[in-house]
Amino acid sequence: MKNQHTLPVAIIGGGPIGLAAAAHLTLKEEPFILFEAGSSIGSNILEWGHVRMFSTWKYNLDKASRRLLEKTGWVAPNESSLPTGKDLVEKYLLPLSTITELKKNILLHAKVEGIAKKGLNKLKTVKRENSPFEIYVDVKGEQKVFEAKAVIDATGTWQSPNPSLSNGIWTKKEQELIEQIHYGIPDIVQEEDRYKNKTIMVVGSGHSAINSILYLAQLKKQFPQTKLYWVLRKQKVDEAYGGLETDELEARGELGKKMKKLVETNQLTVLTPFSIRELKKEGEKISVSGEWNSKEVVLHDIDELIVNTGFRPDRTFLDEIRIELDPAVESVKSLAPLIDPNIHSCGTVRPHGEQELRHPEKNFYIVGMKSYGRAPTFLLATGYEQVRSIVDYLTGDLESAKKIFLDLPKTGVCSSGIESTLKSTGCEIDVINQKNNSCCK
């Protein structure tokens, strides 16, 4: 058996957070291997490559990654401009992945199928802490086993969307309608024929849903027979608009303002609070049954559904790893109270790093969007700081690992307490009231 200390750190996922971990390990001269299931770095992001992000380049570049890139002569994009998903991959992630120190340690077409401690199942404790990880990986159709001294799971949640039903259950009826449902933000320009002059229902209340509706509203201008429904569970539609003028991310505030204008000019039908109970195929159409304002209703003649209800983590390959999660949020327990959408609606959370992200399995970490479980308020800058802290810890810089250097923009909307009272006062991480988990002044 190899000496565990000479083994690499395994990174699972070749998105922004996984590559940031690789960059930090490179600067520390620490060996690593990165597994990316897709055919390209950032393959999940390319699936929403047409979408413009609401955070500027300033908040989307990792410091260690930038240092490595600038050594090659790379010039950073304008910090105040807004990248699309495609921009993020082509102008940042792909150049980063071609740096020699990273490229030689990246495996594409490498899907992780299982992780265990060497020779031990989850039940076995003796010698567990000092045993290396065994990672079973499908590499271009051939299963291989790799050993690692630590594992950083940065696989995200993109491949695991939530269903349309308000109770979160996947039903056979919904799966039978899969050809008429899009999970995520469709590329309306490329799929114009699919949506023009159709009756379309968008489900969800976050920025993805708003983006989907704004794209469809442009289509409706060209094809006026297009009919739009917006279904969300918030008590009032105003709650979905966000910080508007008070949002420090201008583009995020603009989304809310544009959405508000669409609603006020009756460009779509808004149903809220609406809980979807059942989807059913009716000929070539979809019927949607649910509860609207405490009344049972059925909407017929829906041609297409766009479901923007968020995502959930896929942990099927972690069955033999000891992890401890909050039962509701499904994040590590120490993080859950800070991001639970039942009591916290800010786009910022208290700075957190290695210590807060520990699981019972030593040197195993879930980072990035997946670290937030089912909570939707993750920002890239948060993930970059997560992996910076973890890498410092794994390489022996324990004091630095404890210090979190996080600069996040104000969301313009905060809430604290069970009542989720909205306040347009802005959020700042250095004024957190830890007693009630508020980030509001």
Protein backbone atom coordinates (compact mmCIF):
# COMPACT_ATOMS: atom_id res chain seq x y z
CA MET A 1 0.00 0.00 0.00
CA LYS A 2 1.22 3.44 -0.86
CA ASN A 3 2.13 5.84 1.91
CA GLN A 4 -1.08 7.83 2.43
CA HIS A 5 0.84 11.11 2.73
CA THR A 6 2.19 10.78 -0.81
CA LEU A 7 -1.23 10.18 -2.32
CA PRO A 8 -3.02 12.97 -4.19
CA VAL A 9 -6.09 14.92 -3.13
CA ALA A 10 -9.01 13.84 -5.29
CA ILE A 11 -11.30 16.54 -6.67
CA ILE A 12 -14.61 15.46 -8.16
CA GLY A 13 -16.08 17.96 -10.62
CA GLY A 14 -14.46 20.21 -13.21
CA GLY A 15 -16.52 23.34 -12.69
CA PRO A 16 -15.38 26.66 -11.18
CA ILE A 17 -15.10 25.34 -7.60
CA GLY A 18 -13.32 22.12 -8.53
CA LEU A 19 -10.79 24.01 -10.65
CA ALA A 20 -10.31 26.57 -7.88
CA ALA A 21 -9.40 23.70 -5.52
CA ALA A 22 -6.94 22.46 -8.14
CA ALA A 23 -5.40 25.93 -8.45
CA HIS A 24 -4.93 26.29 -4.69
CA LEU A 25 -3.36 22.82 -4.47
CA THR A 26 -1.06 23.69 -7.37
CA LEU A 27 0.19 26.83 -5.62
CA LYS A 28 0.82 24.72 -2.53
CA GLU A 29 2.70 22.16 -4.67
CA GLU A 30 0.31 19.50 -3.43
CA PRO A 31 -0.50 16.56 -5.75
CA PHE A 32 -4.10 16.18 -6.89
CA ILE A 33 -6.23 14.44 -9.47
CA LEU A 34 -9.45 15.93 -10.83
CA PHE A 35 -12.30 13.83 -12.25
CA GLU A 36 -14.78 15.47 -14.66
CA ALA A 37 -17.65 13.34 -15.92
CA GLY A 38 -18.25 15.45 -19.01
CA SER A 39 -16.34 15.79 -22.23
CA SER A 40 -15.17 19.29 -21.31
CA ILE A 41 -14.28 21.33 -18.29
CA GLY A 42 -17.39 23.21 -17.21
CA SER A 43 -19.67 20.83 -19.11
CA ASN A 44 -22.63 21.49 -16.81
CA ILE A 45 -22.23 25.25 -17.22
CA LEU A 46 -22.27 24.92 -20.99
CA GLU A 47 -25.80 23.55 -20.70
CA TRP A 48 -26.87 27.04 -19.58
CA GLY A 49 -24.20 28.82 -21.57
CA HIS A 50 -26.75 31.19 -23.14
CA VAL A 51 -27.73 32.65 -19.75
CA ARG A 52 -26.12 35.88 -18.58
CA MET A 53 -25.05 35.80 -14.94
CA PHE A 54 -26.19 38.54 -12.57
CA SER A 55 -22.83 38.69 -10.79
CA THR A 56 -19.96 40.49 -12.50
CA TRP A 57 -16.55 38.98 -13.28
CA LYS A 58 -15.31 40.54 -10.02
CA TYR A 59 -17.21 37.90 -8.03
CA ASN A 60 -16.61 35.01 -10.44
CA LEU A 61 -12.81 34.78 -10.46
CA ASP A 62 -10.92 32.76 -7.87
CA LYS A 63 -7.75 34.46 -6.61
CA ALA A 64 -5.45 31.43 -6.87
CA SER A 65 -6.76 30.62 -10.34
CA ARG A 66 -6.19 34.19 -11.41
CA ARG A 67 -2.58 34.12 -10.15
CA LEU A 68 -1.83 31.03 -12.22
CA LEU A 69 -3.53 32.43 -15.31
CA GLU A 70 -1.75 35.78 -15.16
CA LYS A 71 1.61 33.99 -15.18
CA THR A 72 0.70 32.76 -18.67
CA GLY A 73 -0.10 36.25 -19.96
CA TRP A 74 -3.84 35.81 -19.63
CA VAL A 75 -5.74 39.09 -19.33
CA ALA A 76 -8.75 39.12 -17.03
CA PRO A 77 -12.10 40.23 -18.43
CA ASN A 78 -13.48 43.61 -17.37
CA GLU A 79 -14.43 43.15 -13.71
CA SER A 80 -17.64 45.15 -14.07
CA SER A 81 -18.99 43.20 -17.07
CA LEU A 82 -21.40 40.29 -16.85
CA PRO A 83 -20.37 36.93 -18.29
CA THR A 84 -22.69 34.35 -19.77
CA GLY A 85 -22.19 30.75 -18.77
CA LYS A 86 -20.37 30.22 -22.04
CA ASP A 87 -18.09 33.19 -21.29
CA LEU A 88 -17.26 31.74 -17.90
CA VAL A 89 -16.10 28.50 -19.49
CA GLU A 90 -14.37 29.84 -22.60
CA LYS A 91 -12.70 32.93 -21.12
CA TYR A 92 -11.79 31.53 -17.72
CA LEU A 93 -12.19 27.82 -17.02
CA LEU A 94 -10.80 26.42 -20.25
CA PRO A 95 -7.65 28.61 -20.19
CA LEU A 96 -7.15 27.65 -16.55
CA SER A 97 -7.50 23.95 -17.30
CA THR A 98 -4.83 24.10 -20.02
CA ILE A 99 -2.12 25.31 -17.65
CA THR A 100 0.39 22.45 -17.59
CA GLU A 101 0.32 21.88 -13.82
CA LEU A 102 -3.47 21.46 -13.95
CA LYS A 103 -3.93 19.78 -17.33
CA LYS A 104 -1.72 16.80 -16.52
CA ASN A 105 -3.88 16.00 -13.48
CA ILE A 106 -7.34 16.36 -15.08
CA LEU A 107 -9.30 13.36 -16.36
CA LEU A 108 -12.29 14.02 -18.64
CA HIS A 109 -15.02 11.45 -19.35
CA ALA A 110 -14.37 10.30 -15.77
CA LYS A 111 -17.55 9.65 -13.81
CA VAL A 112 -17.11 8.76 -10.14
CA GLU A 113 -19.35 5.81 -9.27
CA GLY A 114 -18.33 5.09 -5.69
CA ILE A 115 -16.02 6.14 -2.85
CA ALA A 116 -14.93 4.07 0.16
CA LYS A 117 -12.10 3.79 2.64
CA LYS A 118 -9.65 1.13 1.44
CA GLY A 119 -10.79 -2.33 2.51
CA LEU A 120 -13.49 -0.92 4.78
CA ASN A 121 -17.23 -0.46 4.42
CA LYS A 122 -19.10 2.31 6.23
CA LEU A 123 -19.64 0.19 9.34
CA LYS A 124 -15.95 -0.52 10.01
CA THR A 125 -14.13 1.92 12.33
CA VAL A 126 -10.80 0.27 13.18
CA LYS A 127 -7.92 1.86 11.20
CA ARG A 128 -10.46 3.93 9.28
CA GLU A 129 -8.90 7.35 9.87
CA ASN A 130 -5.52 6.29 8.51
CA SER A 131 -6.83 4.34 5.52
CA PRO A 132 -6.78 6.02 2.09
CA PHE A 133 -9.88 6.66 0.04
CA GLU A 134 -10.64 4.35 -2.87
CA ILE A 135 -12.43 6.05 -5.75
CA TYR A 136 -14.16 3.95 -8.39
CA VAL A 137 -14.29 5.85 -11.66
CA ASP A 138 -15.77 5.04 -15.05
CA VAL A 139 -13.17 6.42 -17.46
CA LYS A 140 -14.49 6.24 -21.03
CA GLY A 141 -16.39 3.05 -20.25
CA GLU A 142 -13.65 1.32 -18.23
CA GLN A 143 -13.88 1.22 -14.44
CA LYS A 144 -10.66 2.18 -12.68
CA VAL A 145 -9.79 2.55 -9.00
CA PHE A 146 -7.77 5.47 -7.67
CA GLU A 147 -6.42 6.09 -4.17
CA ALA A 148 -6.42 9.49 -2.48
CA LYS A 149 -5.60 10.93 0.94
CA ALA A 150 -8.48 13.42 0.82
CA VAL A 151 -11.59 13.98 -1.28
CA ILE A 152 -13.22 17.28 -2.31
CA ASP A 153 -16.66 16.71 -3.82
CA ALA A 154 -17.45 19.67 -6.09
CA THR A 155 -19.97 17.92 -8.34
CA GLY A 156 -22.69 20.52 -7.89
CA THR A 157 -26.39 19.78 -8.29
CA TRP A 158 -27.10 20.61 -11.94
CA GLN A 159 -27.84 17.04 -12.98
CA SER A 160 -30.42 16.57 -10.18
CA PRO A 161 -33.30 19.02 -10.66
CA ASN A 162 -36.27 19.11 -8.33
CA PRO A 163 -39.63 18.01 -9.75
CA SER A 164 -42.60 20.30 -10.31
CA LEU A 165 -44.75 18.92 -7.50
CA SER A 166 -44.74 21.13 -4.42
CA ASN A 167 -44.08 18.20 -2.10
CA GLY A 168 -40.84 17.36 -3.96
CA ILE A 169 -41.89 13.89 -5.12
CA TRP A 170 -41.01 12.58 -8.56
CA THR A 171 -44.07 10.85 -10.06
CA LYS A 172 -44.43 8.52 -13.02
CA LYS A 173 -46.89 10.95 -14.58
CA GLU A 174 -44.31 13.73 -14.56
CA GLN A 175 -41.68 11.42 -15.99
CA GLU A 176 -44.10 10.44 -18.78
CA LEU A 177 -44.32 14.14 -19.74
CA ILE A 178 -40.55 14.62 -19.91
CA GLU A 179 -40.65 15.58 -23.62
CA GLN A 180 -42.82 18.59 -22.75
CA ILE A 181 -40.88 19.68 -19.67
CA HIS A 182 -37.62 21.61 -19.49
CA TYR A 183 -35.74 21.72 -16.17
CA GLY A 184 -33.64 24.87 -16.15
CA ILE A 185 -33.59 27.92 -18.42
CA PRO A 186 -34.26 26.98 -22.05
CA ASP A 187 -32.44 28.62 -24.93
CA ILE A 188 -35.50 30.27 -26.43
CA VAL A 189 -33.60 31.54 -29.47
CA GLN A 190 -32.47 28.03 -30.40
CA GLU A 191 -35.82 26.46 -29.49
CA GLU A 192 -38.13 29.11 -30.90
CA ASP A 193 -40.30 26.59 -32.77
CA ARG A 194 -40.90 24.63 -29.58
CA TYR A 195 -42.31 27.60 -27.64
CA LYS A 196 -43.75 30.12 -30.12
CA ASN A 197 -47.53 30.59 -29.96
CA LYS A 198 -47.76 27.93 -27.24
CA THR A 199 -49.25 28.01 -23.76
CA ILE A 200 -46.31 27.76 -21.39
CA MET A 201 -46.21 27.45 -17.62
CA VAL A 202 -43.08 28.47 -15.69
CA VAL A 203 -42.83 26.99 -12.19
CA GLY A 204 -40.59 28.60 -9.57
CA SER A 205 -39.87 31.91 -7.89
CA GLY A 206 -36.10 32.36 -8.12
CA HIS A 207 -33.82 34.04 -10.62
CA SER A 208 -33.94 31.07 -12.99
CA ALA A 209 -37.72 31.32 -13.26
CA ILE A 210 -37.52 35.07 -13.80
CA ASN A 211 -34.89 34.60 -16.51
CA SER A 212 -37.07 31.99 -18.24
CA ILE A 213 -40.08 34.31 -18.22
CA LEU A 214 -38.09 37.28 -19.50
CA TYR A 215 -36.83 35.23 -22.45
CA LEU A 216 -40.37 34.03 -23.16
CA ALA A 217 -41.70 37.60 -22.95
CA GLN A 218 -39.34 38.55 -25.79
CA LEU A 219 -40.69 35.61 -27.79
CA LYS A 220 -44.25 36.75 -27.08
CA LYS A 221 -43.49 40.12 -28.72
CA GLN A 222 -42.77 38.30 -31.98
CA PHE A 223 -45.46 35.67 -31.58
CA PRO A 224 -48.40 37.24 -29.71
CA GLN A 225 -50.36 33.98 -29.46
CA THR A 226 -47.80 32.82 -26.92
CA LYS A 227 -49.52 32.58 -23.52
CA LEU A 228 -47.59 32.58 -20.26
CA TYR A 229 -48.42 31.31 -16.78
CA TRP A 230 -46.18 31.88 -13.78
CA VAL A 231 -46.78 29.53 -10.87
CA LEU A 232 -45.04 30.12 -7.55
CA ARG A 233 -45.60 29.33 -3.90
CA LYS A 234 -44.85 32.71 -2.36
CA GLN A 235 -47.72 34.43 -0.57
CA LYS A 236 -47.28 37.56 -2.69
CA VAL A 237 -45.62 37.93 -6.07
CA ASP A 238 -43.70 40.99 -4.80
CA GLU A 239 -41.57 38.65 -2.68
CA ALA A 240 -40.01 37.21 -5.83
CA TYR A 241 -38.65 40.51 -7.13
CA GLY A 242 -35.67 40.64 -4.76
CA GLY A 243 -33.84 43.81 -3.80
CA LEU A 244 -34.67 45.84 -6.94
CA GLU A 245 -32.86 49.21 -6.62
CA THR A 246 -31.17 48.23 -3.34
CA ASP A 247 -29.40 45.18 -4.75
CA GLU A 248 -25.64 45.76 -4.97
CA LEU A 249 -25.57 43.44 -7.98
CA GLU A 250 -27.21 45.71 -10.51
CA ALA A 251 -28.09 42.93 -12.94
CA ARG A 252 -29.82 40.94 -10.21
CA GLY A 253 -31.85 43.99 -9.26
CA GLU A 254 -32.70 44.60 -12.92
CA LEU A 255 -34.17 41.11 -13.23
CA GLY A 256 -36.62 41.93 -10.47
CA LYS A 257 -37.54 45.30 -11.97
CA LYS A 258 -38.18 43.82 -15.42
CA MET A 259 -40.26 41.03 -13.91
CA LYS A 260 -42.31 43.49 -11.90
CA LYS A 261 -43.07 45.50 -15.04
CA LEU A 262 -44.21 42.39 -16.90
CA VAL A 263 -46.59 41.50 -14.10
CA GLU A 264 -47.97 45.03 -13.76
CA THR A 265 -48.62 45.26 -17.51
CA ASN A 266 -50.44 41.90 -17.55
CA GLN A 267 -48.02 40.19 -19.92
CA LEU A 268 -48.61 36.91 -18.11
CA THR A 269 -50.96 35.23 -15.69
CA VAL A 270 -49.56 34.92 -12.16
CA LEU A 271 -50.85 32.22 -9.84
CA THR A 272 -49.59 32.54 -6.28
CA PRO A 273 -49.59 30.97 -3.81
CA PHE A 274 -50.05 27.85 -5.92
CA SER A 275 -49.13 24.29 -4.90
CA ILE A 276 -48.92 21.78 -7.72
CA ARG A 277 -50.45 18.44 -6.76
CA GLU A 278 -50.52 16.51 -10.04
CA LEU A 279 -49.52 16.64 -13.69
CA LYS A 280 -51.48 14.65 -16.22
CA LYS A 281 -51.22 14.09 -19.95
CA GLU A 282 -54.39 15.02 -21.85
CA GLY A 283 -53.89 14.23 -25.53
CA GLU A 284 -51.02 16.47 -26.64
CA LYS A 285 -51.55 18.82 -23.68
CA ILE A 286 -50.70 18.87 -19.97
CA SER A 287 -53.22 19.48 -17.20
CA VAL A 288 -51.92 20.89 -13.92
CA SER A 289 -53.90 20.29 -10.73
CA GLY A 290 -53.23 22.11 -7.51
CA GLU A 291 -54.30 24.44 -4.76
CA TRP A 292 -54.54 28.15 -5.47
CA ASN A 293 -55.54 30.46 -2.63
CA SER A 294 -56.96 27.48 -0.72
CA LYS A 295 -59.08 26.35 -3.68
CA GLU A 296 -58.59 23.23 -5.77
CA VAL A 297 -58.08 24.15 -9.43
CA VAL A 298 -57.14 22.41 -12.66
CA LEU A 299 -55.43 24.20 -15.53
CA HIS A 300 -55.88 22.53 -18.92
CA ASP A 301 -54.29 23.02 -22.32
CA ILE A 302 -50.70 23.62 -21.18
CA ASP A 303 -48.32 22.88 -24.05
CA GLU A 304 -44.97 23.20 -22.26
CA LEU A 305 -43.73 23.29 -18.68
CA ILE A 306 -40.51 25.02 -17.63
CA VAL A 307 -39.58 23.90 -14.14
CA ASN A 308 -37.25 26.19 -12.18
CA THR A 309 -37.75 24.75 -8.70
CA GLY A 310 -34.09 24.32 -7.86
CA PHE A 311 -31.87 21.29 -7.54
CA ARG A 312 -30.93 18.67 -4.98
CA PRO A 313 -27.60 16.91 -4.30
CA ASP A 314 -26.85 13.49 -5.75
CA ARG A 315 -25.09 11.46 -3.07
CA THR A 316 -25.59 7.99 -4.55
CA PHE A 317 -21.83 7.49 -4.92
CA LEU A 318 -21.23 8.40 -1.27
CA ASP A 319 -23.05 5.45 0.30
CA GLU A 320 -19.88 4.09 1.94
CA ILE A 321 -18.68 7.46 3.24
CA ARG A 322 -19.65 8.77 6.66
CA ILE A 323 -21.36 12.12 6.22
CA GLU A 324 -23.63 14.05 8.58
CA LEU A 325 -26.33 16.28 7.14
CA ASP A 326 -29.08 18.55 8.38
CA PRO A 327 -32.34 16.61 7.92
CA ALA A 328 -34.11 19.48 6.14
CA VAL A 329 -31.53 21.55 4.27
CA GLU A 330 -29.25 18.56 3.52
CA SER A 331 -26.13 20.63 4.03
CA VAL A 332 -23.53 19.90 6.70
CA LYS A 333 -25.26 20.60 10.02
CA SER A 334 -23.22 23.63 11.09
CA LEU A 335 -24.03 25.45 7.85
CA ALA A 336 -27.76 24.75 7.73
CA PRO A 337 -29.03 27.48 10.12
CA LEU A 338 -27.24 30.12 8.04
CA ILE A 339 -28.73 29.14 4.68
CA ASP A 340 -32.10 27.59 5.54
CA PRO A 341 -34.57 29.39 3.23
CA ASN A 342 -37.30 29.01 5.85
CA ILE A 343 -35.55 31.56 8.05
CA HIS A 344 -32.93 33.19 5.85
CA SER A 345 -33.40 34.78 2.45
CA CYS A 346 -30.09 36.61 2.00
CA GLY A 347 -27.71 35.91 -0.83
CA THR A 348 -24.93 36.08 1.74
CA VAL A 349 -24.14 33.87 4.73
CA ARG A 350 -21.68 34.06 7.56
CA PRO A 351 -18.19 33.32 6.25
CA HIS A 352 -17.42 29.64 6.61
CA GLY A 353 -14.59 27.31 5.70
CA GLU A 354 -12.94 24.00 6.48
CA GLN A 355 -14.07 23.78 10.08
CA GLU A 356 -17.76 24.28 9.28
CA LEU A 357 -17.61 21.91 6.31
CA ARG A 358 -16.16 18.89 8.12
CA HIS A 359 -17.94 15.55 8.01
CA PRO A 360 -17.34 12.57 10.30
CA GLU A 361 -15.16 11.08 7.55
CA LYS A 362 -11.80 12.75 8.05
CA ASN A 363 -10.50 14.71 5.04
CA PHE A 364 -13.75 14.38 3.10
CA TYR A 365 -15.51 17.61 2.07
CA ILE A 366 -18.54 18.61 0.03
CA VAL A 367 -18.06 22.09 -1.44
CA GLY A 368 -19.73 24.52 -3.81
CA MET A 369 -23.40 24.42 -4.63
CA LYS A 370 -23.66 20.85 -3.36
CA SER A 371 -22.48 21.97 0.08
CA TYR A 372 -25.68 24.04 0.37
CA GLY A 373 -27.87 20.94 0.03
CA ARG A 374 -31.27 22.15 -1.11
CA ALA A 375 -30.75 25.80 -0.26
CA PRO A 376 -30.59 27.99 -3.40
CA THR A 377 -28.54 31.00 -2.28
CA PHE A 378 -25.00 29.92 -3.26
CA LEU A 379 -22.54 32.32 -4.92
CA LEU A 380 -19.25 31.33 -6.57
CA ALA A 381 -17.21 33.59 -4.31
CA THR A 382 -18.42 31.56 -1.33
CA GLY A 383 -17.22 28.32 -2.91
CA TYR A 384 -13.83 29.77 -3.77
CA GLU A 385 -13.27 30.67 -0.14
CA GLN A 386 -14.47 27.23 0.97
CA VAL A 387 -11.78 25.45 -1.04
CA ARG A 388 -9.09 27.98 -0.14
CA SER A 389 -9.71 27.23 3.54
CA ILE A 390 -9.84 23.47 2.98
CA VAL A 391 -6.61 23.40 0.99
CA ASP A 392 -4.86 25.45 3.67
CA TYR A 393 -5.99 22.92 6.26
CA LEU A 394 -4.97 19.88 4.20
CA THR A 395 -1.52 21.36 3.61
CA GLY A 396 -0.91 22.17 7.29
CA ASP A 397 -1.63 25.92 7.35
CA LEU A 398 -4.13 25.60 10.17
CA GLU A 399 -4.21 29.27 11.19
CA SER A 400 -4.93 30.46 7.65
CA ALA A 401 -7.62 27.82 7.30
CA LYS A 402 -9.51 29.42 10.19
CA LYS A 403 -9.44 32.90 8.64
CA ILE A 404 -12.17 33.51 6.07
CA PHE A 405 -11.73 36.39 3.64
CA LEU A 406 -15.10 36.82 1.99
CA ASP A 407 -16.35 39.87 0.10
CA LEU A 408 -19.91 39.44 -1.09
CA PRO A 409 -22.35 42.00 -2.50
CA LYS A 410 -25.48 43.10 -0.70
CA THR A 411 -28.61 41.34 -1.87
CA GLY A 412 -30.88 44.23 -0.99
CA VAL A 413 -33.29 41.79 0.66
CA CYS A 414 -32.92 40.07 4.00
CA SER A 415 -35.11 38.23 6.40
CA SER A 416 -34.62 36.79 9.82
CA GLY A 417 -36.73 34.66 12.09
CA ILE A 418 -39.51 32.27 11.09
CA GLU A 419 -41.73 35.11 9.91
CA SER A 420 -39.30 35.93 7.05
CA THR A 421 -40.11 39.62 7.23
CA LEU A 422 -38.64 41.33 4.19
CA LYS A 423 -36.46 44.36 4.78
CA SER A 424 -34.81 46.46 2.11
CA THR A 425 -31.82 47.33 4.24
CA GLY A 426 -29.04 45.29 2.66
CA CYS A 427 -26.87 42.54 4.08
CA GLU A 428 -23.28 42.61 5.22
CA ILE A 429 -21.40 39.64 6.56
CA ASP A 430 -19.59 41.68 9.20
CA VAL A 431 -22.78 42.73 10.97
CA ILE A 432 -24.38 39.32 11.43
CA ASN A 433 -26.59 38.95 14.47
CA GLN A 434 -25.72 35.37 15.31
CA LYS A 435 -28.46 35.13 17.92
CA ASN A 436 -31.26 35.08 15.36
CA ASN A 437 -29.26 34.14 12.26
CA SER A 438 -29.95 37.48 10.66
CA CYS A 439 -27.63 39.17 8.22
CA CYS A 440 -29.59 42.40 8.29
CA LYS A 441 -28.62 45.67 9.86
